[in-house]
Amino acid sequence: METPKKKKTDYEALNSGLMRIPQMDTATVRCLIDLGVSQIYHLKGRCANALFEDALKKRPTLSKDRLYSLKMAIYFADNEENLDKNLLHPSVWKHEMR
């Protein structure tokens, strides 16, 4: 009987400063790192849709849910000093028109 392969841990993503963003997952951080975004301040003023389109070019099977995490991360970066805690979950951004 074969043993299941162990899932690789993305230590670079886990140790990234982007993980300071509440509710941020390592898959989204990996997408951002692959796009050259390695710090929270790199997200300020960015467009989530444009980042998502760039990420899709690298990974065509990327889930639409990743877009909501990107929107949340940009909100966090743009409003770090005055955050609405209710907006710090990706699911909220499915319905936000930002």
PDB file of N, CA and C in Angstrom:
ATOM      1  N   MET A   1       0.835  -1.171   0.000  1.00  0.00           N
ATOM      2  CA  MET A   1       0.000   0.000   0.000  1.00  0.00           C
ATOM      3  C   MET A   1       0.892   1.251   0.000  1.00  0.00           C
ATOM      4  N   GLU A   2       0.542   2.209  -0.872  1.00  0.00           N
ATOM      5  CA  GLU A   2       1.319   3.453  -0.956  1.00  0.00           C
ATOM      6  C   GLU A   2       0.906   4.421   0.141  1.00  0.00           C
ATOM      7  N   THR A   3       1.896   5.102   0.681  1.00  0.00           N
ATOM      8  CA  THR A   3       1.581   6.141   1.660  1.00  0.00           C
ATOM      9  C   THR A   3       1.317   7.433   0.900  1.00  0.00           C
ATOM     10  N   PRO A   4       0.359   8.213   1.357  1.00  0.00           N
ATOM     11  CA  PRO A   4       0.064   9.474   0.659  1.00  0.00           C
ATOM     12  C   PRO A   4       1.264  10.416   0.746  1.00  0.00           C
ATOM     13  N   LYS A   5       1.451  11.183  -0.350  1.00  0.00           N
ATOM     14  CA  LYS A   5       2.555  12.136  -0.365  1.00  0.00           C
ATOM     15  C   LYS A   5       2.274  13.263   0.610  1.00  0.00           C
ATOM     16  N   LYS A   6       3.326  13.673   1.280  1.00  0.00           N
ATOM     17  CA  LYS A   6       3.215  14.760   2.245  1.00  0.00           C
ATOM     18  C   LYS A   6       3.129  16.088   1.500  1.00  0.00           C
ATOM     19  N   LYS A   7       2.205  16.925   1.907  1.00  0.00           N
ATOM     20  CA  LYS A   7       2.033  18.236   1.294  1.00  0.00           C
ATOM     21  C   LYS A   7       3.206  19.137   1.687  1.00  0.00           C
ATOM     22  N   LYS A   8       3.775  19.822   0.717  1.00  0.00           N
ATOM     23  CA  LYS A   8       4.901  20.708   1.006  1.00  0.00           C
ATOM     24  C   LYS A   8       4.427  21.955   1.741  1.00  0.00           C
ATOM     25  N   THR A   9       5.221  22.382   2.688  1.00  0.00           N
ATOM     26  CA  THR A   9       4.920  23.588   3.444  1.00  0.00           C
ATOM     27  C   THR A   9       5.647  24.754   2.794  1.00  0.00           C
ATOM     28  N   ASP A  10       4.929  25.835   2.549  1.00  0.00           N
ATOM     29  CA  ASP A  10       5.509  27.016   1.917  1.00  0.00           C
ATOM     30  C   ASP A  10       6.036  27.948   3.016  1.00  0.00           C
ATOM     31  N   TYR A  11       7.263  27.687   3.431  1.00  0.00           N
ATOM     32  CA  TYR A  11       7.850  28.459   4.528  1.00  0.00           C
ATOM     33  C   TYR A  11       8.087  29.920   4.133  1.00  0.00           C
ATOM     34  N   GLU A  12       8.387  30.161   2.865  1.00  0.00           N
ATOM     35  CA  GLU A  12       8.595  31.551   2.428  1.00  0.00           C
ATOM     36  C   GLU A  12       7.313  32.356   2.632  1.00  0.00           C
ATOM     37  N   ALA A  13       6.196  31.780   2.236  1.00  0.00           N
ATOM     38  CA  ALA A  13       4.912  32.470   2.408  1.00  0.00           C
ATOM     39  C   ALA A  13       4.572  32.611   3.893  1.00  0.00           C
ATOM     40  N   LEU A  14       4.758  31.548   4.651  1.00  0.00           N
ATOM     41  CA  LEU A  14       4.447  31.589   6.083  1.00  0.00           C
ATOM     42  C   LEU A  14       5.258  32.634   6.834  1.00  0.00           C
ATOM     43  N   ASN A  15       6.487  32.856   6.410  1.00  0.00           N
ATOM     44  CA  ASN A  15       7.371  33.809   7.084  1.00  0.00           C
ATOM     45  C   ASN A  15       7.292  35.216   6.503  1.00  0.00           C
ATOM     46  N   SER A  16       6.464  35.408   5.504  1.00  0.00           N
ATOM     47  CA  SER A  16       6.329  36.713   4.855  1.00  0.00           C
ATOM     48  C   SER A  16       5.612  37.711   5.767  1.00  0.00           C
ATOM     49  N   GLY A  17       5.985  38.963   5.646  1.00  0.00           N
ATOM     50  CA  GLY A  17       5.296  40.035   6.364  1.00  0.00           C
ATOM     51  C   GLY A  17       3.839  40.143   5.971  1.00  0.00           C
ATOM     52  N   LEU A  18       3.471  39.614   4.811  1.00  0.00           N
ATOM     53  CA  LEU A  18       2.085  39.649   4.360  1.00  0.00           C
ATOM     54  C   LEU A  18       1.166  38.818   5.257  1.00  0.00           C
ATOM     55  N   MET A  19       1.751  37.891   5.994  1.00  0.00           N
ATOM     56  CA  MET A  19       0.954  37.064   6.903  1.00  0.00           C
ATOM     57  C   MET A  19       0.453  37.856   8.114  1.00  0.00           C
ATOM     58  N   ARG A  20       0.913  39.103   8.267  1.00  0.00           N
ATOM     59  CA  ARG A  20       0.389  39.972   9.336  1.00  0.00           C
ATOM     60  C   ARG A  20      -1.040  40.417   9.045  1.00  0.00           C
ATOM     61  N   ILE A  21      -1.462  40.276   7.806  1.00  0.00           N
ATOM     62  CA  ILE A  21      -2.824  40.661   7.429  1.00  0.00           C
ATOM     63  C   ILE A  21      -3.782  39.616   8.015  1.00  0.00           C
ATOM     64  N   PRO A  22      -4.768  40.049   8.805  1.00  0.00           N
ATOM     65  CA  PRO A  22      -5.707  39.093   9.403  1.00  0.00           C
ATOM     66  C   PRO A  22      -6.424  38.272   8.329  1.00  0.00           C
ATOM     67  N   GLN A  23      -6.654  37.009   8.617  1.00  0.00           N
ATOM     68  CA  GLN A  23      -7.360  36.073   7.739  1.00  0.00           C
ATOM     69  C   GLN A  23      -6.623  35.782   6.419  1.00  0.00           C
ATOM     70  N   MET A  24      -5.369  36.177   6.324  1.00  0.00           N
ATOM     71  CA  MET A  24      -4.611  35.925   5.098  1.00  0.00           C
ATOM     72  C   MET A  24      -4.166  34.473   5.079  1.00  0.00           C
ATOM     73  N   ASP A  25      -4.293  33.846   3.923  1.00  0.00           N
ATOM     74  CA  ASP A  25      -3.890  32.450   3.802  1.00  0.00           C
ATOM     75  C   ASP A  25      -2.596  32.355   2.991  1.00  0.00           C
ATOM     76  N   THR A  26      -1.892  31.264   3.169  1.00  0.00           N
ATOM     77  CA  THR A  26      -0.588  31.122   2.514  1.00  0.00           C
ATOM     78  C   THR A  26      -0.700  31.044   0.994  1.00  0.00           C
ATOM     79  N   ALA A  27      -1.807  30.523   0.480  1.00  0.00           N
ATOM     80  CA  ALA A  27      -1.961  30.437  -0.979  1.00  0.00           C
ATOM     81  C   ALA A  27      -2.022  31.831  -1.606  1.00  0.00           C
ATOM     82  N   THR A  28      -2.711  32.751  -0.962  1.00  0.00           N
ATOM     83  CA  THR A  28      -2.780  34.123  -1.473  1.00  0.00           C
ATOM     84  C   THR A  28      -1.426  34.804  -1.335  1.00  0.00           C
ATOM     85  N   VAL A  29      -0.767  34.579  -0.220  1.00  0.00           N
ATOM     86  CA  VAL A  29       0.570  35.152  -0.033  1.00  0.00           C
ATOM     87  C   VAL A  29       1.517  34.611  -1.096  1.00  0.00           C
ATOM     88  N   ARG A  30       1.417  33.325  -1.407  1.00  0.00           N
ATOM     89  CA  ARG A  30       2.258  32.745  -2.461  1.00  0.00           C
ATOM     90  C   ARG A  30       1.987  33.430  -3.796  1.00  0.00           C
ATOM     91  N   CYS A  31       0.723  33.669  -4.122  1.00  0.00           N
ATOM     92  CA  CYS A  31       0.372  34.376  -5.370  1.00  0.00           C
ATOM     93  C   CYS A  31       1.029  35.752  -5.406  1.00  0.00           C
ATOM     94  N   LEU A  32       0.935  36.462  -4.283  1.00  0.00           N
ATOM     95  CA  LEU A  32       1.514  37.806  -4.220  1.00  0.00           C
ATOM     96  C   LEU A  32       3.032  37.768  -4.358  1.00  0.00           C
ATOM     97  N   ILE A  33       3.679  36.837  -3.687  1.00  0.00           N
ATOM     98  CA  ILE A  33       5.131  36.711  -3.792  1.00  0.00           C
ATOM     99  C   ILE A  33       5.528  36.413  -5.240  1.00  0.00           C
ATOM    100  N   ASP A  34       4.781  35.532  -5.887  1.00  0.00           N
ATOM    101  CA  ASP A  34       5.062  35.194  -7.286  1.00  0.00           C
ATOM    102  C   ASP A  34       4.900  36.401  -8.212  1.00  0.00           C
ATOM    103  N   LEU A  35       4.101  37.378  -7.777  1.00  0.00           N
ATOM    104  CA  LEU A  35       3.899  38.603  -8.563  1.00  0.00           C
ATOM    105  C   LEU A  35       4.875  39.707  -8.163  1.00  0.00           C
ATOM    106  N   GLY A  36       5.765  39.411  -7.241  1.00  0.00           N
ATOM    107  CA  GLY A  36       6.759  40.396  -6.808  1.00  0.00           C
ATOM    108  C   GLY A  36       6.318  41.272  -5.657  1.00  0.00           C
ATOM    109  N   VAL A  37       5.197  40.935  -5.037  1.00  0.00           N
ATOM    110  CA  VAL A  37       4.688  41.685  -3.890  1.00  0.00           C
ATOM    111  C   VAL A  37       5.123  40.937  -2.638  1.00  0.00           C
ATOM    112  N   SER A  38       6.002  41.555  -1.850  1.00  0.00           N
ATOM    113  CA  SER A  38       6.512  40.845  -0.684  1.00  0.00           C
ATOM    114  C   SER A  38       6.249  41.565   0.633  1.00  0.00           C
ATOM    115  N   GLN A  39       5.761  42.791   0.559  1.00  0.00           N
ATOM    116  CA  GLN A  39       5.492  43.574   1.769  1.00  0.00           C
ATOM    117  C   GLN A  39       4.103  44.195   1.677  1.00  0.00           C
ATOM    118  N   ILE A  40       3.518  44.464   2.817  1.00  0.00           N
ATOM    119  CA  ILE A  40       2.179  45.048   2.849  1.00  0.00           C
ATOM    120  C   ILE A  40       2.136  46.380   2.113  1.00  0.00           C
ATOM    121  N   TYR A  41       3.154  47.207   2.284  1.00  0.00           N
ATOM    122  CA  TYR A  41       3.127  48.525   1.636  1.00  0.00           C
ATOM    123  C   TYR A  41       3.163  48.426   0.114  1.00  0.00           C
ATOM    124  N   HIS A  42       3.596  47.293  -0.440  1.00  0.00           N
ATOM    125  CA  HIS A  42       3.566  47.096  -1.895  1.00  0.00           C
ATOM    126  C   HIS A  42       2.135  47.016  -2.428  1.00  0.00           C
ATOM    127  N   LEU A  43       1.182  46.769  -1.543  1.00  0.00           N
ATOM    128  CA  LEU A  43      -0.220  46.638  -1.946  1.00  0.00           C
ATOM    129  C   LEU A  43      -0.963  47.975  -1.966  1.00  0.00           C
ATOM    130  N   LYS A  44      -0.402  48.991  -1.337  1.00  0.00           N
ATOM    131  CA  LYS A  44      -1.103  50.276  -1.253  1.00  0.00           C
ATOM    132  C   LYS A  44      -1.393  50.824  -2.645  1.00  0.00           C
ATOM    133  N   GLY A  45      -2.673  51.180  -2.844  1.00  0.00           N
ATOM    134  CA  GLY A  45      -3.092  51.787  -4.097  1.00  0.00           C
ATOM    135  C   GLY A  45      -3.192  50.829  -5.271  1.00  0.00           C
ATOM    136  N   ARG A  46      -2.992  49.553  -5.043  1.00  0.00           N
ATOM    137  CA  ARG A  46      -3.038  48.574  -6.126  1.00  0.00           C
ATOM    138  C   ARG A  46      -4.477  48.198  -6.442  1.00  0.00           C
ATOM    139  N   CYS A  47      -4.673  47.621  -7.606  1.00  0.00           N
ATOM    140  CA  CYS A  47      -5.987  47.157  -8.051  1.00  0.00           C
ATOM    141  C   CYS A  47      -6.038  45.634  -7.912  1.00  0.00           C
ATOM    142  N   ALA A  48      -6.968  45.146  -7.113  1.00  0.00           N
ATOM    143  CA  ALA A  48      -7.085  43.705  -6.879  1.00  0.00           C
ATOM    144  C   ALA A  48      -7.385  42.952  -8.173  1.00  0.00           C
ATOM    145  N   ASN A  49      -8.235  43.523  -9.010  1.00  0.00           N
ATOM    146  CA  ASN A  49      -8.583  42.851 -10.268  1.00  0.00           C
ATOM    147  C   ASN A  49      -7.367  42.701 -11.175  1.00  0.00           C
ATOM    148  N   ALA A  50      -6.526  43.725 -11.227  1.00  0.00           N
ATOM    149  CA  ALA A  50      -5.316  43.661 -12.051  1.00  0.00           C
ATOM    150  C   ALA A  50      -4.341  42.614 -11.498  1.00  0.00           C
ATOM    151  N   LEU A  51      -4.183  42.588 -10.182  1.00  0.00           N
ATOM    152  CA  LEU A  51      -3.320  41.575  -9.567  1.00  0.00           C
ATOM    153  C   LEU A  51      -3.852  40.172  -9.837  1.00  0.00           C
ATOM    154  N   PHE A  52      -5.159  40.019  -9.746  1.00  0.00           N
ATOM    155  CA  PHE A  52      -5.775  38.710  -9.989  1.00  0.00           C
ATOM    156  C   PHE A  52      -5.552  38.281 -11.441  1.00  0.00           C
ATOM    157  N   GLU A  53      -5.709  39.207 -12.377  1.00  0.00           N
ATOM    158  CA  GLU A  53      -5.476  38.892 -13.795  1.00  0.00           C
ATOM    159  C   GLU A  53      -4.022  38.468 -14.023  1.00  0.00           C
ATOM    160  N   ASP A  54      -3.091  39.169 -13.391  1.00  0.00           N
ATOM    161  CA  ASP A  54      -1.674  38.804 -13.502  1.00  0.00           C
ATOM    162  C   ASP A  54      -1.424  37.415 -12.906  1.00  0.00           C
ATOM    163  N   ALA A  55      -2.072  37.131 -11.785  1.00  0.00           N
ATOM    164  CA  ALA A  55      -1.913  35.822 -11.138  1.00  0.00           C
ATOM    165  C   ALA A  55      -2.505  34.715 -12.018  1.00  0.00           C
ATOM    166  N   LEU A  56      -3.617  35.013 -12.696  1.00  0.00           N
ATOM    167  CA  LEU A  56      -4.233  34.028 -13.592  1.00  0.00           C
ATOM    168  C   LEU A  56      -3.318  33.668 -14.752  1.00  0.00           C
ATOM    169  N   LYS A  57      -2.508  34.610 -15.192  1.00  0.00           N
ATOM    170  CA  LYS A  57      -1.564  34.320 -16.280  1.00  0.00           C
ATOM    171  C   LYS A  57      -0.538  33.282 -15.840  1.00  0.00           C
ATOM    172  N   LYS A  58      -0.180  33.313 -14.573  1.00  0.00           N
ATOM    173  CA  LYS A  58       0.789  32.346 -14.037  1.00  0.00           C
ATOM    174  C   LYS A  58       0.115  31.024 -13.671  1.00  0.00           C
ATOM    175  N   ARG A  59      -1.120  31.121 -13.164  1.00  0.00           N
ATOM    176  CA  ARG A  59      -1.877  29.926 -12.754  1.00  0.00           C
ATOM    177  C   ARG A  59      -3.307  30.030 -13.267  1.00  0.00           C
ATOM    178  N   PRO A  60      -3.570  29.536 -14.472  1.00  0.00           N
ATOM    179  CA  PRO A  60      -4.909  29.671 -15.082  1.00  0.00           C
ATOM    180  C   PRO A  60      -6.044  29.023 -14.285  1.00  0.00           C
ATOM    181  N   THR A  61      -5.747  28.100 -13.401  1.00  0.00           N
ATOM    182  CA  THR A  61      -6.801  27.421 -12.638  1.00  0.00           C
ATOM    183  C   THR A  61      -7.059  28.066 -11.283  1.00  0.00           C
ATOM    184  N   LEU A  62      -6.535  29.257 -11.080  1.00  0.00           N
ATOM    185  CA  LEU A  62      -6.676  29.968  -9.809  1.00  0.00           C
ATOM    186  C   LEU A  62      -8.147  30.218  -9.485  1.00  0.00           C
ATOM    187  N   SER A  63      -8.514  29.972  -8.253  1.00  0.00           N
ATOM    188  CA  SER A  63      -9.891  30.144  -7.795  1.00  0.00           C
ATOM    189  C   SER A  63     -10.257  31.625  -7.701  1.00  0.00           C
ATOM    190  N   LYS A  64     -11.507  31.925  -8.031  1.00  0.00           N
ATOM    191  CA  LYS A  64     -12.029  33.290  -7.918  1.00  0.00           C
ATOM    192  C   LYS A  64     -11.980  33.774  -6.465  1.00  0.00           C
ATOM    193  N   ASP A  65     -11.994  32.849  -5.522  1.00  0.00           N
ATOM    194  CA  ASP A  65     -11.910  33.218  -4.104  1.00  0.00           C
ATOM    195  C   ASP A  65     -10.614  33.968  -3.796  1.00  0.00           C
ATOM    196  N   ARG A  66      -9.578  33.717  -4.564  1.00  0.00           N
ATOM    197  CA  ARG A  66      -8.302  34.405  -4.352  1.00  0.00           C
ATOM    198  C   ARG A  66      -8.484  35.913  -4.560  1.00  0.00           C
ATOM    199  N   LEU A  67      -9.371  36.308  -5.475  1.00  0.00           N
ATOM    200  CA  LEU A  67      -9.641  37.727  -5.720  1.00  0.00           C
ATOM    201  C   LEU A  67     -10.149  38.408  -4.456  1.00  0.00           C
ATOM    202  N   TYR A  68     -11.002  37.742  -3.715  1.00  0.00           N
ATOM    203  CA  TYR A  68     -11.571  38.339  -2.503  1.00  0.00           C
ATOM    204  C   TYR A  68     -10.499  38.526  -1.435  1.00  0.00           C
ATOM    205  N   SER A  69      -9.578  37.593  -1.371  1.00  0.00           N
ATOM    206  CA  SER A  69      -8.461  37.738  -0.433  1.00  0.00           C
ATOM    207  C   SER A  69      -7.561  38.896  -0.848  1.00  0.00           C
ATOM    208  N   LEU A  70      -7.365  39.076  -2.144  1.00  0.00           N
ATOM    209  CA  LEU A  70      -6.554  40.201  -2.633  1.00  0.00           C
ATOM    210  C   LEU A  70      -7.224  41.532  -2.298  1.00  0.00           C
ATOM    211  N   LYS A  71      -8.537  41.609  -2.482  1.00  0.00           N
ATOM    212  CA  LYS A  71      -9.265  42.839  -2.150  1.00  0.00           C
ATOM    213  C   LYS A  71      -9.135  43.166  -0.665  1.00  0.00           C
ATOM    214  N   MET A  72      -9.261  42.139   0.167  1.00  0.00           N
ATOM    215  CA  MET A  72      -9.130  42.341   1.607  1.00  0.00           C
ATOM    216  C   MET A  72      -7.720  42.814   1.957  1.00  0.00           C
ATOM    217  N   ALA A  73      -6.708  42.202   1.340  1.00  0.00           N
ATOM    218  CA  ALA A  73      -5.312  42.563   1.621  1.00  0.00           C
ATOM    219  C   ALA A  73      -5.036  44.012   1.216  1.00  0.00           C
ATOM    220  N   ILE A  74      -5.564  44.437   0.090  1.00  0.00           N
ATOM    221  CA  ILE A  74      -5.368  45.820  -0.356  1.00  0.00           C
ATOM    222  C   ILE A  74      -6.101  46.778   0.576  1.00  0.00           C
ATOM    223  N   TYR A  75      -7.309  46.413   0.997  1.00  0.00           N
ATOM    224  CA  TYR A  75      -8.029  47.231   1.974  1.00  0.00           C
ATOM    225  C   TYR A  75      -7.178  47.398   3.233  1.00  0.00           C
ATOM    226  N   PHE A  76      -6.601  46.305   3.715  1.00  0.00           N
ATOM    227  CA  PHE A  76      -5.773  46.352   4.914  1.00  0.00           C
ATOM    228  C   PHE A  76      -4.586  47.294   4.700  1.00  0.00           C
ATOM    229  N   ALA A  77      -3.920  47.173   3.575  1.00  0.00           N
ATOM    230  CA  ALA A  77      -2.747  48.008   3.295  1.00  0.00           C
ATOM    231  C   ALA A  77      -3.122  49.486   3.192  1.00  0.00           C
ATOM    232  N   ASP A  78      -4.238  49.768   2.550  1.00  0.00           N
ATOM    233  CA  ASP A  78      -4.661  51.156   2.345  1.00  0.00           C
ATOM    234  C   ASP A  78      -5.222  51.806   3.604  1.00  0.00           C
ATOM    235  N   ASN A  79      -5.678  51.005   4.545  1.00  0.00           N
ATOM    236  CA  ASN A  79      -6.374  51.539   5.722  1.00  0.00           C
ATOM    237  C   ASN A  79      -5.790  51.040   7.039  1.00  0.00           C
ATOM    238  N   GLU A  80      -4.534  50.698   7.044  1.00  0.00           N
ATOM    239  CA  GLU A  80      -3.916  50.069   8.217  1.00  0.00           C
ATOM    240  C   GLU A  80      -4.109  50.883   9.499  1.00  0.00           C
ATOM    241  N   GLU A  81      -4.187  52.189   9.372  1.00  0.00           N
ATOM    242  CA  GLU A  81      -4.335  53.051  10.551  1.00  0.00           C
ATOM    243  C   GLU A  81      -5.782  53.170  11.025  1.00  0.00           C
ATOM    244  N   ASN A  82      -6.742  52.899  10.141  1.00  0.00           N
ATOM    245  CA  ASN A  82      -8.149  53.118  10.471  1.00  0.00           C
ATOM    246  C   ASN A  82      -8.987  51.984   9.878  1.00  0.00           C
ATOM    247  N   LEU A  83      -8.819  50.789  10.396  1.00  0.00           N
ATOM    248  CA  LEU A  83      -9.477  49.607   9.839  1.00  0.00           C
ATOM    249  C   LEU A  83     -10.868  49.376  10.396  1.00  0.00           C
ATOM    250  N   ASP A  84     -11.764  48.926   9.534  1.00  0.00           N
ATOM    251  CA  ASP A  84     -13.068  48.430   9.964  1.00  0.00           C
ATOM    252  C   ASP A  84     -12.904  46.918  10.101  1.00  0.00           C
ATOM    253  N   LYS A  85     -12.921  46.424  11.307  1.00  0.00           N
ATOM    254  CA  LYS A  85     -12.682  44.995  11.580  1.00  0.00           C
ATOM    255  C   LYS A  85     -13.681  44.100  10.846  1.00  0.00           C
ATOM    256  N   ASN A  86     -14.855  44.621  10.514  1.00  0.00           N
ATOM    257  CA  ASN A  86     -15.862  43.838   9.800  1.00  0.00           C
ATOM    258  C   ASN A  86     -15.450  43.537   8.362  1.00  0.00           C
ATOM    259  N   LEU A  87     -14.480  44.264   7.848  1.00  0.00           N
ATOM    260  CA  LEU A  87     -14.039  44.061   6.464  1.00  0.00           C
ATOM    261  C   LEU A  87     -12.785  43.187   6.373  1.00  0.00           C
ATOM    262  N   LEU A  88     -12.393  42.597   7.498  1.00  0.00           N
ATOM    263  CA  LEU A  88     -11.169  41.795   7.508  1.00  0.00           C
ATOM    264  C   LEU A  88     -11.450  40.297   7.396  1.00  0.00           C
ATOM    265  N   HIS A  89     -12.273  39.939   6.431  1.00  0.00           N
ATOM    266  CA  HIS A  89     -12.493  38.540   6.086  1.00  0.00           C
ATOM    267  C   HIS A  89     -12.799  38.478   4.586  1.00  0.00           C
ATOM    268  N   PRO A  90     -12.140  37.589   3.859  1.00  0.00           N
ATOM    269  CA  PRO A  90     -12.324  37.538   2.403  1.00  0.00           C
ATOM    270  C   PRO A  90     -13.783  37.388   1.956  1.00  0.00           C
ATOM    271  N   SER A  91     -14.596  36.644   2.705  1.00  0.00           N
ATOM    272  CA  SER A  91     -15.980  36.411   2.276  1.00  0.00           C
ATOM    273  C   SER A  91     -16.782  37.704   2.194  1.00  0.00           C
ATOM    274  N   VAL A  92     -16.431  38.696   2.988  1.00  0.00           N
ATOM    275  CA  VAL A  92     -17.125  39.987   2.965  1.00  0.00           C
ATOM    276  C   VAL A  92     -16.942  40.650   1.589  1.00  0.00           C
ATOM    277  N   TRP A  93     -15.799  40.419   0.983  1.00  0.00           N
ATOM    278  CA  TRP A  93     -15.443  41.095  -0.265  1.00  0.00           C
ATOM    279  C   TRP A  93     -16.113  40.493  -1.492  1.00  0.00           C
ATOM    280  N   LYS A  94     -16.811  39.377  -1.322  1.00  0.00           N
ATOM    281  CA  LYS A  94     -17.590  38.821  -2.438  1.00  0.00           C
ATOM    282  C   LYS A  94     -18.706  39.778  -2.825  1.00  0.00           C
ATOM    283  N   HIS A  95     -19.179  40.547  -1.851  1.00  0.00           N
ATOM    284  CA  HIS A  95     -20.331  41.418  -2.076  1.00  0.00           C
ATOM    285  C   HIS A  95     -19.946  42.893  -2.149  1.00  0.00           C
ATOM    286  N   GLU A  96     -18.699  43.190  -1.868  1.00  0.00           N
ATOM    287  CA  GLU A  96     -18.244  44.591  -1.901  1.00  0.00           C
ATOM    288  C   GLU A  96     -17.952  45.012  -3.335  1.00  0.00           C
ATOM    289  N   MET A  97     -18.298  46.199  -3.675  1.00  0.00           N
ATOM    290  CA  MET A  97     -18.054  46.738  -5.016  1.00  0.00           C
ATOM    291  C   MET A  97     -16.875  47.705  -4.938  1.00  0.00           C
ATOM    292  N   ARG A  98     -15.698  47.196  -4.621  1.00  0.00           N
ATOM    293  CA  ARG A  98     -14.511  48.056  -4.495  1.00  0.00           C
ATOM    294  C   ARG A  98     -13.529  47.701  -5.561  1.00  0.00           C
TER     295      ARG A  98
END
